[in-house]
Protein backbone atom coordinates (compact mmCIF):
# COMPACT_ATOMS: atom_id res chain seq x y z
CA UNK A 1 259.18 -38.74 171.00
CA UNK A 2 258.59 -37.51 174.55
CA UNK A 3 261.02 -34.68 173.94
CA UNK A 4 259.18 -33.64 170.76
CA UNK A 5 255.77 -33.69 172.56
CA UNK A 6 257.17 -31.60 175.38
CA UNK A 7 258.47 -29.05 172.91
CA UNK A 8 255.15 -28.92 171.10
CA UNK A 9 253.26 -28.48 174.36
CA UNK A 10 255.67 -25.82 175.57
CA UNK A 11 255.43 -24.04 172.25
CA UNK A 12 251.63 -24.06 172.39
CA UNK A 13 251.68 -22.49 175.85
CA UNK A 14 254.23 -19.93 174.71
CA UNK A 15 252.11 -19.02 171.71
CA UNK A 16 248.96 -18.64 173.79
CA UNK A 17 250.55 -16.64 176.60
CA UNK A 18 251.11 -13.33 174.80
CA UNK A 19 247.42 -13.06 173.84
CA UNK A 20 246.33 -13.74 177.42
CA UNK A 21 248.90 -11.33 178.83
CA UNK A 22 247.95 -8.65 176.33
CA UNK A 23 244.29 -8.88 177.33
CA UNK A 24 244.98 -8.97 181.06
CA UNK A 25 247.48 -6.11 180.93
CA UNK A 26 245.62 -3.90 178.47
CA UNK A 27 246.21 -0.18 178.94
CA UNK A 28 244.08 2.49 177.33
CA UNK A 29 243.97 6.26 177.09
CA UNK A 30 240.49 7.77 176.90
CA UNK A 31 239.65 11.25 175.63
CA UNK A 32 237.23 13.06 177.94
CA UNK A 33 235.54 16.13 176.44
CA UNK A 34 233.12 18.70 177.84
CA UNK A 35 232.11 22.34 177.52
CA UNK A 36 232.72 23.08 181.20
CA UNK A 37 235.60 25.46 181.92
CA UNK A 38 238.79 24.14 183.57
CA UNK A 39 238.17 26.31 186.65
CA UNK A 40 234.48 25.43 186.98
CA UNK A 41 233.18 23.55 190.00
CA UNK A 42 231.83 20.80 187.76
CA UNK A 43 235.27 20.19 186.27
CA UNK A 44 237.23 20.49 189.51
CA UNK A 45 234.89 18.64 191.88
CA UNK A 46 233.14 16.16 189.56
CA UNK A 47 234.98 15.40 186.34
CA UNK A 48 238.58 15.44 187.57
CA UNK A 49 237.88 13.36 190.72
CA UNK A 50 235.95 10.84 188.60
CA UNK A 51 238.83 10.44 186.16
CA UNK A 52 241.35 10.19 189.01
CA UNK A 53 239.26 7.50 190.71
CA UNK A 54 239.03 5.45 187.51
CA UNK A 55 242.77 5.79 186.91
CA UNK A 56 243.53 4.75 190.49
CA UNK A 57 241.17 1.76 190.52
CA UNK A 58 242.53 0.54 187.19
CA UNK A 59 246.06 0.53 188.59
CA UNK A 60 246.98 3.23 186.10
CA UNK A 61 245.95 1.12 183.12
CA UNK A 62 243.17 3.55 182.23
CA UNK A 63 244.48 7.04 181.62
CA UNK A 64 242.66 10.14 180.43
CA UNK A 65 243.38 12.93 178.04
CA UNK A 66 241.20 15.67 179.52
CA UNK A 67 239.69 18.35 177.31
CA UNK A 68 237.53 20.93 179.12
CA UNK A 69 236.09 24.04 177.43
CA UNK A 70 235.51 22.32 174.05
CA UNK A 71 239.26 21.98 173.48
CA UNK A 72 238.72 19.17 170.96
CA UNK A 73 236.62 21.52 168.86
CA UNK A 74 232.97 21.67 167.96
CA UNK A 75 230.09 23.13 169.94
CA UNK A 76 228.40 21.97 173.15
CA UNK A 77 225.43 20.77 171.09
CA UNK A 78 227.75 18.44 169.17
CA UNK A 79 229.26 16.70 172.20
CA UNK A 80 226.85 13.78 172.28
CA UNK A 81 227.56 13.01 168.61
CA UNK A 82 231.27 13.24 169.33
CA UNK A 83 230.84 10.34 171.77
CA UNK A 84 228.63 8.49 169.30
CA UNK A 85 231.09 8.92 166.44
CA UNK A 86 234.29 8.38 168.44
CA UNK A 87 235.70 11.91 168.15
CA UNK A 88 235.83 11.69 171.95
CA UNK A 89 235.66 8.55 174.07
CA UNK A 90 233.63 10.09 176.92
CA UNK A 91 231.64 13.32 177.05
CA UNK A 92 229.61 15.17 179.66
CA UNK A 93 226.94 17.43 178.26
CA UNK A 94 223.34 18.64 178.44
CA UNK A 95 220.89 16.69 176.27
CA UNK A 96 218.80 19.87 176.23
CA UNK A 97 221.37 21.56 174.00
CA UNK A 98 219.96 19.39 171.17
CA UNK A 99 216.39 20.64 171.22
CA UNK A 100 213.83 17.85 170.97
CA UNK A 101 216.36 15.07 170.33
CA UNK A 102 216.02 13.49 173.78
CA UNK A 103 212.38 14.31 174.53
CA UNK A 104 211.63 11.85 177.33
CA UNK A 105 214.45 13.10 179.56
CA UNK A 106 212.96 16.59 179.38
CA UNK A 107 210.44 15.58 182.05
CA UNK A 108 213.07 16.41 184.69
CA UNK A 109 213.47 19.91 183.25
CA UNK A 110 209.78 20.75 183.69
CA UNK A 111 209.03 23.66 186.05
CA UNK A 112 208.96 22.81 189.76
CA UNK A 113 209.56 19.11 189.09
CA UNK A 114 212.76 18.38 191.01
CA UNK A 115 213.24 18.35 194.79
CA UNK A 116 216.99 17.97 195.31
CA UNK A 117 219.74 17.07 192.87
CA UNK A 118 220.80 13.79 194.51
CA UNK A 119 217.31 12.29 194.63
CA UNK A 120 216.35 13.63 191.21
CA UNK A 121 219.56 12.30 189.65
CA UNK A 122 218.81 8.85 191.03
CA UNK A 123 215.27 9.12 189.70
CA UNK A 124 216.65 10.19 186.32
CA UNK A 125 218.91 7.10 186.17
CA UNK A 126 216.05 4.72 187.08
CA UNK A 127 213.77 6.46 184.58
CA UNK A 128 216.26 6.02 181.72
CA UNK A 129 216.74 2.36 182.66
CA UNK A 130 213.01 1.62 182.70
CA UNK A 131 210.85 3.87 180.50
CA UNK A 132 213.45 5.56 178.27
CA UNK A 133 215.88 2.73 177.57
CA UNK A 134 216.57 3.80 173.99
CA UNK A 135 216.85 7.55 174.66
CA UNK A 136 220.66 7.38 174.53
CA UNK A 137 220.90 4.19 172.46
CA UNK A 138 223.78 5.47 170.31
CA UNK A 139 226.20 5.55 173.24
CA UNK A 140 227.03 3.66 176.40
CA UNK A 141 225.63 5.82 179.22
CA UNK A 142 227.84 6.02 182.30
CA UNK A 143 225.80 8.41 184.47
CA UNK A 144 223.07 11.01 184.35
CA UNK A 145 222.42 13.87 186.74
CA UNK A 146 220.69 17.16 187.35
CA UNK A 147 222.02 20.26 189.09
CA UNK A 148 220.62 22.18 192.04
CA UNK A 149 217.63 24.55 191.87
CA UNK A 150 217.71 27.06 189.04
CA UNK A 151 218.03 30.74 189.96
CA UNK A 152 217.19 33.94 188.06
CA UNK A 153 220.17 36.28 187.51
CA UNK A 154 219.40 39.71 186.02
CA UNK A 155 221.46 42.77 185.10
CA UNK A 156 219.32 45.80 185.87
CA UNK A 157 216.11 44.75 187.60
CA UNK A 158 215.30 42.54 190.56
CA UNK A 159 212.66 39.89 189.92
CA UNK A 160 210.22 39.48 192.81
CA UNK A 161 207.05 38.57 190.92
CA UNK A 162 206.12 37.18 187.52
CA UNK A 163 205.25 40.69 186.37
CA UNK A 164 208.87 41.75 186.85
CA UNK A 165 209.97 39.37 184.09
CA UNK A 166 207.75 40.92 181.44
CA UNK A 167 209.75 41.91 178.37
CA UNK A 168 213.13 40.85 179.76
CA UNK A 169 215.39 38.85 177.45
CA UNK A 170 216.39 35.83 179.54
CA UNK A 171 218.61 32.93 178.57
CA UNK A 172 217.47 29.34 179.09
CA UNK A 173 219.47 26.14 178.49
CA UNK A 174 216.83 23.95 176.82
CA UNK A 175 213.54 24.05 174.94
CA UNK A 176 211.47 23.33 178.06
CA UNK A 177 213.13 26.10 180.08
CA UNK A 178 212.80 28.60 177.25
CA UNK A 179 209.11 27.69 176.91
CA UNK A 180 208.73 28.28 180.63
CA UNK A 181 210.39 31.70 180.40
CA UNK A 182 208.02 32.63 177.60
CA UNK A 183 204.94 31.70 179.64
CA UNK A 184 206.34 33.73 182.53
CA UNK A 185 206.35 36.79 180.29
CA UNK A 186 210.05 36.96 179.45
CA UNK A 187 211.53 36.94 175.96
CA UNK A 188 213.29 33.56 175.96
CA UNK A 189 216.74 33.18 174.43
CA UNK A 190 218.20 29.68 174.11
CA UNK A 191 221.97 29.36 174.32
CA UNK A 192 224.63 27.10 175.87
CA UNK A 193 226.48 28.12 179.01
CA UNK A 194 229.74 29.41 177.44
CA UNK A 195 227.82 32.04 175.42
CA UNK A 196 226.27 33.75 178.46
CA UNK A 197 229.04 36.21 179.48
CA UNK A 198 229.33 37.75 176.04
CA UNK A 199 225.56 37.98 175.68
CA UNK A 200 225.20 39.70 179.06
CA UNK A 201 228.06 42.09 178.31
CA UNK A 202 226.64 43.11 174.94
CA UNK A 203 223.06 43.36 176.15
CA UNK A 204 221.83 40.53 173.94
CA UNK A 205 220.19 39.22 177.10
CA UNK A 206 219.01 40.94 180.27
CA UNK A 207 219.48 37.89 182.45
CA UNK A 208 219.80 34.13 182.60
CA UNK A 209 218.68 31.15 184.62
CA UNK A 210 221.47 29.11 186.21
CA UNK A 211 222.18 27.14 189.37
CA UNK A 212 224.33 29.02 191.86
CA UNK A 213 227.29 26.67 191.53
CA UNK A 214 228.07 27.58 187.93
CA UNK A 215 227.85 31.36 188.45
CA UNK A 216 231.53 32.04 189.29
CA UNK A 217 232.88 29.92 186.41
CA UNK A 218 231.47 32.43 183.88
CA UNK A 219 231.54 35.48 186.21
CA UNK A 220 227.79 36.04 186.20
CA UNK A 221 228.10 37.66 189.64
CA UNK A 222 230.10 40.46 187.95
CA UNK A 223 227.72 40.89 185.02
CA UNK A 224 224.35 40.50 186.74
CA UNK A 225 223.68 42.39 189.96
CA UNK A 226 220.31 40.90 190.94
CA UNK A 227 219.53 37.32 191.84
CA UNK A 228 216.16 35.72 192.60
CA UNK A 229 215.93 32.28 194.18
CA UNK A 230 212.92 30.36 195.49
CA UNK A 231 212.62 29.32 199.09
CA UNK A 232 212.88 25.52 199.46
CA UNK A 233 209.21 25.15 200.36
CA UNK A 234 208.31 26.68 196.99
CA UNK A 235 210.23 24.08 195.01
CA UNK A 236 212.80 24.54 192.27
CA UNK A 237 212.05 26.77 189.28
CA UNK A 238 213.83 24.26 187.02
CA UNK A 239 216.84 22.02 186.65
CA UNK A 240 218.75 20.83 183.59
CA UNK A 241 219.53 17.24 182.68
CA UNK A 242 223.11 16.13 182.12
CA UNK A 243 224.57 12.92 180.70
CA UNK A 244 228.00 11.31 180.75
CA UNK A 245 228.19 9.08 177.69
CA UNK A 246 230.90 6.81 176.28
CA UNK A 247 231.53 5.64 172.73
CA UNK A 248 230.01 2.16 172.46
CA UNK A 249 232.84 0.54 170.50
CA UNK A 250 235.44 1.99 172.85
CA UNK A 251 233.61 0.57 175.85
CA UNK A 252 233.17 -2.85 174.23
CA UNK A 253 236.86 -2.95 173.27
CA UNK A 254 237.94 -2.83 176.91
CA UNK A 255 239.17 -5.99 178.59
CA UNK A 256 236.70 -7.44 181.13
CA UNK A 257 238.66 -6.16 184.14
CA UNK A 258 238.90 -2.61 182.78
CA UNK A 259 235.25 -2.71 181.77
CA UNK A 260 234.50 -3.60 185.39
CA UNK A 261 236.40 -0.53 186.59
CA UNK A 262 234.25 1.66 184.34
CA UNK A 263 231.09 -0.16 185.46
CA UNK A 264 232.02 0.34 189.12
CA UNK A 265 232.16 4.07 188.46
CA UNK A 266 228.88 4.26 186.57
CA UNK A 267 225.18 3.87 187.21
CA UNK A 268 222.83 4.85 190.01
CA UNK A 269 225.40 5.60 192.71
CA UNK A 270 227.60 7.68 190.40
CA UNK A 271 224.58 9.60 189.11
CA UNK A 272 223.62 10.35 192.72
CA UNK A 273 227.17 11.46 193.53
CA UNK A 274 227.30 13.79 190.53
CA UNK A 275 223.97 15.37 191.47
CA UNK A 276 224.84 15.75 195.15
CA UNK A 277 228.30 17.15 194.36
CA UNK A 278 226.98 19.68 191.89
CA UNK A 279 224.36 20.97 194.31
CA UNK A 280 226.86 21.04 197.20
CA UNK A 281 228.71 23.78 195.31
CA UNK A 282 225.67 26.09 195.31
CA UNK A 283 226.51 27.89 198.60
CA UNK A 284 230.00 28.83 197.39
CA UNK A 285 228.55 30.13 194.14
CA UNK A 286 225.95 32.16 196.03
CA UNK A 287 228.67 33.64 198.23
CA UNK A 288 230.42 35.14 195.21
CA UNK A 289 227.30 37.26 194.65
CA UNK A 290 226.76 38.26 198.28
CA UNK A 291 230.47 39.11 198.64
CA UNK A 292 229.96 41.74 195.95
CA UNK A 293 226.88 43.06 197.77
CA UNK A 294 224.64 42.02 194.90
CA UNK A 295 220.93 41.94 195.68
CA UNK A 296 219.76 38.40 196.45
CA UNK A 297 216.03 37.98 196.88
CA UNK A 298 214.25 34.85 198.07
CA UNK A 299 210.81 34.44 196.51
CA UNK A 300 208.46 33.13 199.22
CA UNK A 301 206.27 30.09 198.63
CA UNK A 302 203.10 32.22 198.49
CA UNK A 303 204.48 34.36 195.64
CA UNK A 304 205.81 31.28 193.87
CA UNK A 305 202.24 30.14 193.20
CA UNK A 306 201.87 32.62 190.33
CA UNK A 307 205.09 31.31 188.77
CA UNK A 308 203.78 27.74 189.11
CA UNK A 309 200.38 28.60 187.66
CA UNK A 310 201.77 30.26 184.54
CA UNK A 311 204.52 27.69 184.03
CA UNK A 312 202.12 24.73 184.33
CA UNK A 313 201.28 25.04 180.62
CA UNK A 314 204.78 23.73 179.83
CA UNK A 315 204.00 20.42 181.51
CA UNK A 316 200.67 20.07 179.71
CA UNK A 317 202.30 20.77 176.34
CA UNK A 318 205.17 18.38 177.02
CA UNK A 319 202.75 15.53 177.77
CA UNK A 320 200.81 16.29 174.58
CA UNK A 321 204.09 16.29 172.63
CA UNK A 322 205.00 12.89 174.07
CA UNK A 323 201.59 11.52 173.09
CA UNK A 324 202.15 12.71 169.51
CA UNK A 325 205.53 10.97 169.45
CA UNK A 326 203.89 7.69 170.42
CA UNK A 327 204.71 7.78 174.14
CA UNK A 328 202.31 8.05 177.06
CA UNK A 329 203.05 11.54 178.35
CA UNK A 330 201.10 11.22 181.58
CA UNK A 331 202.72 7.88 182.36
CA UNK A 332 206.19 9.32 181.79
CA UNK A 333 205.47 12.34 183.98
CA UNK A 334 203.94 10.23 186.75
CA UNK A 335 206.86 7.79 186.61
CA UNK A 336 209.35 10.62 186.99
CA UNK A 337 207.43 12.17 189.88
CA UNK A 338 207.07 8.85 191.68
CA UNK A 339 210.78 8.09 191.29
CA UNK A 340 211.73 11.57 192.57
CA UNK A 341 209.46 11.08 195.57
CA UNK A 342 210.79 7.59 196.20
CA UNK A 343 214.45 8.64 196.13
CA UNK A 344 213.65 11.83 198.04
CA UNK A 345 212.45 9.73 200.95
CA UNK A 346 215.56 7.56 200.95
């Protein structure tokens, strides 16, 4: 009888062990998809290091199939839905490519809102966690960030004042930035980043707004010969919002220890790191223009006032739009500003 009990007990342990071992030793391969080019600063200094860190901290049990430059197919505007639907496991994209779909996050794209990318990215994360908790409800959000100050890049004419923009066809990345360009007197053209080189070459646009760091990845310094930035005291013309999102079911399917690895590489600190890293690449991007002897003009704070005055309508309209959608536009704007100020001090 004792022998039979021992066998039964041993058998029970043996039967239970494979399930425990399978869970503890789970290995997964995640598909990471983005529109950024494989030689872009964002891919080389943000996305690849992030994936490598996750792989390392998981002991090699999380691996990535990396797909830059839309290699899994689709368009940049479809990336968020690819994460939602499981076409990709993780994506990095601009919510602004889906005009009006993520309206509350647009507050960070408003003219002269951001101070620096690290502080504003931290503010963006806190904002999503507090007053926009369902903005990205269809996915599991890993991090959010903004890039450094937006710069005007033009083919044939240097922009020193608002008047210089009149009648120029200028690309913007989102509905708030294109509205801003319109109020500044330009003819706004909305398009994602990968479309810019062809549009500049063919004359479909006369210029674009971009942070310095992304300029070399699409060779804007070769296609546009004039660049207008704002001195720091004037503030940033604009920034764009970015999100790294994961398929919910894929995240939930991870074993607790692998989930913890993902969690440890998500959130406030990772958002801050993305923002700081992206802006840290601005000087190198700027150098590609100055190395070609392109004209780089810094708009002084005094002259920036006219830009601010004309662009202020965008903020007013955005708050009114939020009110119509059932949100408190002023509260959202004030929350974003207070969070930017708070993280800017720290």
